[in-house]
Amino acid sequence: MSPEDAKLLAFNYMTSTPKTAGAVYEEALGVLGHKRKHPRRRIIWSDVLCTVEAAIQLNTQYADEVRRVWFGHR
């Protein structure tokens, strides 16, 4: 997936999912291989967006899940 497509998909997912930014961030970190720990500090939305974008580019299965969620909420 191209970086532009991943960015658009991440943005659409972030604006349509009922999950909190913290939950999405934790999910994306898990996809990237980091410990899934809910952050205790304030989350910056653009940081979550970049993390989701990276997870989408690196994991096609996660990209498919995100795509299904986004298309389900349109």
PDB file of N, CA and C in Angstrom:
ATOM      1  N   MET A   1       0.847  -1.163   0.000  1.00  0.00           N
ATOM      2  CA  MET A   1       0.000   0.000   0.000  1.00  0.00           C
ATOM      3  C   MET A   1       0.901   1.238   0.000  1.00  0.00           C
ATOM      4  N   SER A   2       0.526   2.200  -0.786  1.00  0.00           N
ATOM      5  CA  SER A   2       1.340   3.413  -0.871  1.00  0.00           C
ATOM      6  C   SER A   2       1.209   4.223   0.423  1.00  0.00           C
ATOM      7  N   PRO A   3       2.202   5.037   0.728  1.00  0.00           N
ATOM      8  CA  PRO A   3       2.120   5.867   1.940  1.00  0.00           C
ATOM      9  C   PRO A   3       0.906   6.804   1.938  1.00  0.00           C
ATOM     10  N   GLU A   4       0.546   7.320   0.764  1.00  0.00           N
ATOM     11  CA  GLU A   4      -0.607   8.206   0.675  1.00  0.00           C
ATOM     12  C   GLU A   4      -1.900   7.462   0.979  1.00  0.00           C
ATOM     13  N   ASP A   5      -2.024   6.238   0.452  1.00  0.00           N
ATOM     14  CA  ASP A   5      -3.213   5.430   0.721  1.00  0.00           C
ATOM     15  C   ASP A   5      -3.290   5.054   2.195  1.00  0.00           C
ATOM     16  N   ALA A   6      -2.151   4.715   2.781  1.00  0.00           N
ATOM     17  CA  ALA A   6      -2.116   4.360   4.203  1.00  0.00           C
ATOM     18  C   ALA A   6      -2.510   5.551   5.064  1.00  0.00           C
ATOM     19  N   LYS A   7      -2.042   6.729   4.706  1.00  0.00           N
ATOM     20  CA  LYS A   7      -2.376   7.939   5.471  1.00  0.00           C
ATOM     21  C   LYS A   7      -3.873   8.228   5.393  1.00  0.00           C
ATOM     22  N   LEU A   8      -4.442   8.114   4.202  1.00  0.00           N
ATOM     23  CA  LEU A   8      -5.871   8.357   4.028  1.00  0.00           C
ATOM     24  C   LEU A   8      -6.701   7.326   4.787  1.00  0.00           C
ATOM     25  N   LEU A   9      -6.317   6.068   4.700  1.00  0.00           N
ATOM     26  CA  LEU A   9      -7.043   5.019   5.401  1.00  0.00           C
ATOM     27  C   LEU A   9      -6.950   5.220   6.910  1.00  0.00           C
ATOM     28  N   ALA A  10      -5.775   5.577   7.411  1.00  0.00           N
ATOM     29  CA  ALA A  10      -5.611   5.821   8.845  1.00  0.00           C
ATOM     30  C   ALA A  10      -6.483   6.986   9.298  1.00  0.00           C
ATOM     31  N   PHE A  11      -6.514   8.059   8.518  1.00  0.00           N
ATOM     32  CA  PHE A  11      -7.342   9.210   8.859  1.00  0.00           C
ATOM     33  C   PHE A  11      -8.821   8.834   8.876  1.00  0.00           C
ATOM     34  N   ASN A  12      -9.267   8.122   7.852  1.00  0.00           N
ATOM     35  CA  ASN A  12     -10.674   7.715   7.789  1.00  0.00           C
ATOM     36  C   ASN A  12     -11.039   6.797   8.954  1.00  0.00           C
ATOM     37  N   TYR A  13     -10.132   5.908   9.308  1.00  0.00           N
ATOM     38  CA  TYR A  13     -10.366   5.006  10.429  1.00  0.00           C
ATOM     39  C   TYR A  13     -10.459   5.794  11.734  1.00  0.00           C
ATOM     40  N   MET A  14      -9.514   6.706  11.936  1.00  0.00           N
ATOM     41  CA  MET A  14      -9.493   7.466  13.183  1.00  0.00           C
ATOM     42  C   MET A  14     -10.731   8.340  13.339  1.00  0.00           C
ATOM     43  N   THR A  15     -11.291   8.821  12.244  1.00  0.00           N
ATOM     44  CA  THR A  15     -12.465   9.689  12.341  1.00  0.00           C
ATOM     45  C   THR A  15     -13.775   8.908  12.362  1.00  0.00           C
ATOM     46  N   SER A  16     -13.733   7.597  12.119  1.00  0.00           N
ATOM     47  CA  SER A  16     -14.982   6.837  12.081  1.00  0.00           C
ATOM     48  C   SER A  16     -15.090   5.776  13.169  1.00  0.00           C
ATOM     49  N   THR A  17     -13.992   5.402  13.807  1.00  0.00           N
ATOM     50  CA  THR A  17     -14.065   4.339  14.804  1.00  0.00           C
ATOM     51  C   THR A  17     -14.675   4.856  16.109  1.00  0.00           C
ATOM     52  N   PRO A  18     -15.449   4.024  16.780  1.00  0.00           N
ATOM     53  CA  PRO A  18     -15.995   4.442  18.076  1.00  0.00           C
ATOM     54  C   PRO A  18     -14.974   4.302  19.213  1.00  0.00           C
ATOM     55  N   LYS A  19     -13.806   3.742  18.920  1.00  0.00           N
ATOM     56  CA  LYS A  19     -12.777   3.556  19.943  1.00  0.00           C
ATOM     57  C   LYS A  19     -12.137   4.887  20.319  1.00  0.00           C
ATOM     58  N   THR A  20     -11.621   4.944  21.534  1.00  0.00           N
ATOM     59  CA  THR A  20     -10.897   6.138  21.957  1.00  0.00           C
ATOM     60  C   THR A  20      -9.527   6.164  21.283  1.00  0.00           C
ATOM     61  N   ALA A  21      -8.906   7.339  21.275  1.00  0.00           N
ATOM     62  CA  ALA A  21      -7.571   7.460  20.690  1.00  0.00           C
ATOM     63  C   ALA A  21      -6.581   6.572  21.432  1.00  0.00           C
ATOM     64  N   GLY A  22      -6.722   6.458  22.741  1.00  0.00           N
ATOM     65  CA  GLY A  22      -5.837   5.600  23.524  1.00  0.00           C
ATOM     66  C   GLY A  22      -5.967   4.135  23.148  1.00  0.00           C
ATOM     67  N   ALA A  23      -7.199   3.681  22.927  1.00  0.00           N
ATOM     68  CA  ALA A  23      -7.423   2.289  22.544  1.00  0.00           C
ATOM     69  C   ALA A  23      -6.863   2.004  21.153  1.00  0.00           C
ATOM     70  N   VAL A  24      -7.032   2.939  20.244  1.00  0.00           N
ATOM     71  CA  VAL A  24      -6.498   2.769  18.889  1.00  0.00           C
ATOM     72  C   VAL A  24      -4.980   2.760  18.920  1.00  0.00           C
ATOM     73  N   TYR A  25      -4.398   3.642  19.730  1.00  0.00           N
ATOM     74  CA  TYR A  25      -2.940   3.717  19.862  1.00  0.00           C
ATOM     75  C   TYR A  25      -2.383   2.407  20.409  1.00  0.00           C
ATOM     76  N   GLU A  26      -3.033   1.876  21.442  1.00  0.00           N
ATOM     77  CA  GLU A  26      -2.617   0.607  22.041  1.00  0.00           C
ATOM     78  C   GLU A  26      -2.711  -0.524  21.016  1.00  0.00           C
ATOM     79  N   GLU A  27      -3.770  -0.544  20.248  1.00  0.00           N
ATOM     80  CA  GLU A  27      -3.967  -1.565  19.218  1.00  0.00           C
ATOM     81  C   GLU A  27      -2.869  -1.492  18.152  1.00  0.00           C
ATOM     82  N   ALA A  28      -2.582  -0.295  17.672  1.00  0.00           N
ATOM     83  CA  ALA A  28      -1.569  -0.113  16.628  1.00  0.00           C
ATOM     84  C   ALA A  28      -0.174  -0.466  17.140  1.00  0.00           C
ATOM     85  N   LEU A  29       0.119  -0.119  18.385  1.00  0.00           N
ATOM     86  CA  LEU A  29       1.415  -0.483  18.960  1.00  0.00           C
ATOM     87  C   LEU A  29       1.568  -1.997  19.028  1.00  0.00           C
ATOM     88  N   GLY A  30       0.489  -2.689  19.370  1.00  0.00           N
ATOM     89  CA  GLY A  30       0.518  -4.144  19.405  1.00  0.00           C
ATOM     90  C   GLY A  30       0.804  -4.734  18.038  1.00  0.00           C
ATOM     91  N   VAL A  31       0.217  -4.147  17.008  1.00  0.00           N
ATOM     92  CA  VAL A  31       0.457  -4.606  15.634  1.00  0.00           C
ATOM     93  C   VAL A  31       1.921  -4.401  15.259  1.00  0.00           C
ATOM     94  N   LEU A  32       2.510  -3.320  15.742  1.00  0.00           N
ATOM     95  CA  LEU A  32       3.909  -3.016  15.439  1.00  0.00           C
ATOM     96  C   LEU A  32       4.889  -3.812  16.293  1.00  0.00           C
ATOM     97  N   GLY A  33       4.378  -4.626  17.217  1.00  0.00           N
ATOM     98  CA  GLY A  33       5.243  -5.491  18.014  1.00  0.00           C
ATOM     99  C   GLY A  33       5.651  -4.926  19.354  1.00  0.00           C
ATOM    100  N   HIS A  34       5.074  -3.815  19.759  1.00  0.00           N
ATOM    101  CA  HIS A  34       5.382  -3.232  21.052  1.00  0.00           C
ATOM    102  C   HIS A  34       4.429  -3.774  22.098  1.00  0.00           C
ATOM    103  N   LYS A  35       4.799  -3.626  23.338  1.00  0.00           N
ATOM    104  CA  LYS A  35       3.951  -4.080  24.429  1.00  0.00           C
ATOM    105  C   LYS A  35       2.648  -3.293  24.409  1.00  0.00           C
ATOM    106  N   ARG A  36       1.557  -4.018  24.495  1.00  0.00           N
ATOM    107  CA  ARG A  36       0.249  -3.367  24.467  1.00  0.00           C
ATOM    108  C   ARG A  36      -0.061  -2.865  25.870  1.00  0.00           C
ATOM    109  N   LYS A  37       0.193  -1.617  26.080  1.00  0.00           N
ATOM    110  CA  LYS A  37      -0.053  -1.008  27.374  1.00  0.00           C
ATOM    111  C   LYS A  37      -0.798   0.289  27.146  1.00  0.00           C
ATOM    112  N   HIS A  38      -1.919   0.430  27.826  1.00  0.00           N
ATOM    113  CA  HIS A  38      -2.696   1.652  27.665  1.00  0.00           C
ATOM    114  C   HIS A  38      -1.889   2.825  28.216  1.00  0.00           C
ATOM    115  N   PRO A  39      -1.693   3.853  27.401  1.00  0.00           N
ATOM    116  CA  PRO A  39      -0.886   4.992  27.847  1.00  0.00           C
ATOM    117  C   PRO A  39      -1.562   5.743  28.993  1.00  0.00           C
ATOM    118  N   ARG A  40      -0.757   6.207  29.921  1.00  0.00           N
ATOM    119  CA  ARG A  40      -1.296   6.924  31.072  1.00  0.00           C
ATOM    120  C   ARG A  40      -1.274   8.431  30.873  1.00  0.00           C
ATOM    121  N   ARG A  41      -0.585   8.876  29.876  1.00  0.00           N
ATOM    122  CA  ARG A  41      -0.513  10.315  29.645  1.00  0.00           C
ATOM    123  C   ARG A  41      -1.490  10.710  28.547  1.00  0.00           C
ATOM    124  N   ARG A  42      -1.571  11.985  28.317  1.00  0.00           N
ATOM    125  CA  ARG A  42      -2.457  12.475  27.257  1.00  0.00           C
ATOM    126  C   ARG A  42      -1.918  12.047  25.897  1.00  0.00           C
ATOM    127  N   ILE A  43      -2.806  11.698  25.017  1.00  0.00           N
ATOM    128  CA  ILE A  43      -2.459  11.225  23.689  1.00  0.00           C
ATOM    129  C   ILE A  43      -2.595  12.378  22.691  1.00  0.00           C
ATOM    130  N   ILE A  44      -1.616  12.512  21.834  1.00  0.00           N
ATOM    131  CA  ILE A  44      -1.700  13.501  20.763  1.00  0.00           C
ATOM    132  C   ILE A  44      -2.260  12.791  19.532  1.00  0.00           C
ATOM    133  N   TRP A  45      -3.364  13.308  19.019  1.00  0.00           N
ATOM    134  CA  TRP A  45      -4.093  12.661  17.946  1.00  0.00           C
ATOM    135  C   TRP A  45      -3.210  12.411  16.734  1.00  0.00           C
ATOM    136  N   SER A  46      -2.354  13.357  16.393  1.00  0.00           N
ATOM    137  CA  SER A  46      -1.494  13.196  15.212  1.00  0.00           C
ATOM    138  C   SER A  46      -0.473  12.074  15.417  1.00  0.00           C
ATOM    139  N   ASP A  47      -0.026  11.865  16.660  1.00  0.00           N
ATOM    140  CA  ASP A  47       0.883  10.749  16.943  1.00  0.00           C
ATOM    141  C   ASP A  47       0.179   9.412  16.742  1.00  0.00           C
ATOM    142  N   VAL A  48      -1.065   9.337  17.177  1.00  0.00           N
ATOM    143  CA  VAL A  48      -1.851   8.110  16.989  1.00  0.00           C
ATOM    144  C   VAL A  48      -2.061   7.867  15.500  1.00  0.00           C
ATOM    145  N   LEU A  49      -2.361   8.916  14.767  1.00  0.00           N
ATOM    146  CA  LEU A  49      -2.565   8.801  13.325  1.00  0.00           C
ATOM    147  C   LEU A  49      -1.319   8.250  12.635  1.00  0.00           C
ATOM    148  N   CYS A  50      -0.150   8.758  13.003  1.00  0.00           N
ATOM    149  CA  CYS A  50       1.109   8.274  12.408  1.00  0.00           C
ATOM    150  C   CYS A  50       1.378   6.822  12.787  1.00  0.00           C
ATOM    151  N   THR A  51       1.048   6.437  14.014  1.00  0.00           N
ATOM    152  CA  THR A  51       1.253   5.060  14.461  1.00  0.00           C
ATOM    153  C   THR A  51       0.335   4.110  13.703  1.00  0.00           C
ATOM    154  N   VAL A  52      -0.919   4.495  13.545  1.00  0.00           N
ATOM    155  CA  VAL A  52      -1.867   3.675  12.785  1.00  0.00           C
ATOM    156  C   VAL A  52      -1.415   3.575  11.324  1.00  0.00           C
ATOM    157  N   GLU A  53      -0.948   4.677  10.772  1.00  0.00           N
ATOM    158  CA  GLU A  53      -0.456   4.675   9.394  1.00  0.00           C
ATOM    159  C   GLU A  53       0.708   3.696   9.225  1.00  0.00           C
ATOM    160  N   ALA A  54       1.646   3.707  10.159  1.00  0.00           N
ATOM    161  CA  ALA A  54       2.787   2.785  10.092  1.00  0.00           C
ATOM    162  C   ALA A  54       2.327   1.337  10.213  1.00  0.00           C
ATOM    163  N   ALA A  55       1.385   1.078  11.114  1.00  0.00           N
ATOM    164  CA  ALA A  55       0.877  -0.286  11.284  1.00  0.00           C
ATOM    165  C   ALA A  55       0.173  -0.765  10.019  1.00  0.00           C
ATOM    166  N   ILE A  56      -0.557   0.112   9.369  1.00  0.00           N
ATOM    167  CA  ILE A  56      -1.250  -0.236   8.124  1.00  0.00           C
ATOM    168  C   ILE A  56      -0.242  -0.587   7.040  1.00  0.00           C
ATOM    169  N   GLN A  57       0.827   0.194   6.936  1.00  0.00           N
ATOM    170  CA  GLN A  57       1.828  -0.059   5.901  1.00  0.00           C
ATOM    171  C   GLN A  57       2.579  -1.360   6.140  1.00  0.00           C
ATOM    172  N   LEU A  58       2.790  -1.732   7.402  1.00  0.00           N
ATOM    173  CA  LEU A  58       3.607  -2.906   7.709  1.00  0.00           C
ATOM    174  C   LEU A  58       2.821  -4.205   7.841  1.00  0.00           C
ATOM    175  N   ASN A  59       1.527  -4.117   8.043  1.00  0.00           N
ATOM    176  CA  ASN A  59       0.747  -5.317   8.311  1.00  0.00           C
ATOM    177  C   ASN A  59      -0.523  -5.297   7.461  1.00  0.00           C
ATOM    178  N   THR A  60      -0.555  -6.128   6.438  1.00  0.00           N
ATOM    179  CA  THR A  60      -1.710  -6.136   5.533  1.00  0.00           C
ATOM    180  C   THR A  60      -2.970  -6.641   6.222  1.00  0.00           C
ATOM    181  N   GLN A  61      -2.820  -7.543   7.183  1.00  0.00           N
ATOM    182  CA  GLN A  61      -3.990  -8.050   7.906  1.00  0.00           C
ATOM    183  C   GLN A  61      -4.638  -6.919   8.715  1.00  0.00           C
ATOM    184  N   TYR A  62      -3.807  -6.109   9.367  1.00  0.00           N
ATOM    185  CA  TYR A  62      -4.330  -4.964  10.116  1.00  0.00           C
ATOM    186  C   TYR A  62      -4.974  -3.960   9.154  1.00  0.00           C
ATOM    187  N   ALA A  63      -4.355  -3.754   8.004  1.00  0.00           N
ATOM    188  CA  ALA A  63      -4.927  -2.846   7.007  1.00  0.00           C
ATOM    189  C   ALA A  63      -6.307  -3.330   6.574  1.00  0.00           C
ATOM    190  N   ASP A  64      -6.469  -4.629   6.399  1.00  0.00           N
ATOM    191  CA  ASP A  64      -7.773  -5.179   6.029  1.00  0.00           C
ATOM    192  C   ASP A  64      -8.800  -4.968   7.132  1.00  0.00           C
ATOM    193  N   GLU A  65      -8.396  -5.149   8.401  1.00  0.00           N
ATOM    194  CA  GLU A  65      -9.298  -4.922   9.532  1.00  0.00           C
ATOM    195  C   GLU A  65      -9.749  -3.464   9.582  1.00  0.00           C
ATOM    196  N   VAL A  66      -8.793  -2.556   9.429  1.00  0.00           N
ATOM    197  CA  VAL A  66      -9.101  -1.126   9.454  1.00  0.00           C
ATOM    198  C   VAL A  66     -10.035  -0.772   8.302  1.00  0.00           C
ATOM    199  N   ARG A  67      -9.764  -1.318   7.137  1.00  0.00           N
ATOM    200  CA  ARG A  67     -10.605  -1.055   5.967  1.00  0.00           C
ATOM    201  C   ARG A  67     -12.037  -1.538   6.212  1.00  0.00           C
ATOM    202  N   ARG A  68     -12.187  -2.724   6.816  1.00  0.00           N
ATOM    203  CA  ARG A  68     -13.525  -3.246   7.113  1.00  0.00           C
ATOM    204  C   ARG A  68     -14.264  -2.338   8.096  1.00  0.00           C
ATOM    205  N   VAL A  69     -13.582  -1.867   9.122  1.00  0.00           N
ATOM    206  CA  VAL A  69     -14.217  -0.971  10.095  1.00  0.00           C
ATOM    207  C   VAL A  69     -14.646   0.321   9.422  1.00  0.00           C
ATOM    208  N   TRP A  70     -13.748   0.879   8.606  1.00  0.00           N
ATOM    209  CA  TRP A  70     -14.070   2.154   7.960  1.00  0.00           C
ATOM    210  C   TRP A  70     -15.245   2.005   7.009  1.00  0.00           C
ATOM    211  N   PHE A  71     -15.233   0.961   6.176  1.00  0.00           N
ATOM    212  CA  PHE A  71     -16.327   0.779   5.225  1.00  0.00           C
ATOM    213  C   PHE A  71     -17.625   0.435   5.943  1.00  0.00           C
ATOM    214  N   GLY A  72     -17.538  -0.157   7.116  1.00  0.00           N
ATOM    215  CA  GLY A  72     -18.731  -0.478   7.889  1.00  0.00           C
ATOM    216  C   GLY A  72     -19.404   0.736   8.500  1.00  0.00           C
ATOM    217  N   HIS A  73     -18.651   1.832   8.668  1.00  0.00           N
ATOM    218  CA  HIS A  73     -19.195   3.036   9.287  1.00  0.00           C
ATOM    219  C   HIS A  73     -19.515   4.151   8.295  1.00  0.00           C
ATOM    220  N   ARG A  74     -19.371   3.876   7.035  1.00  0.00           N
ATOM    221  CA  ARG A  74     -19.630   4.916   6.035  1.00  0.00           C
ATOM    222  C   ARG A  74     -21.088   5.100   5.800  1.00  0.00           C
TER     223      ARG A  74
END
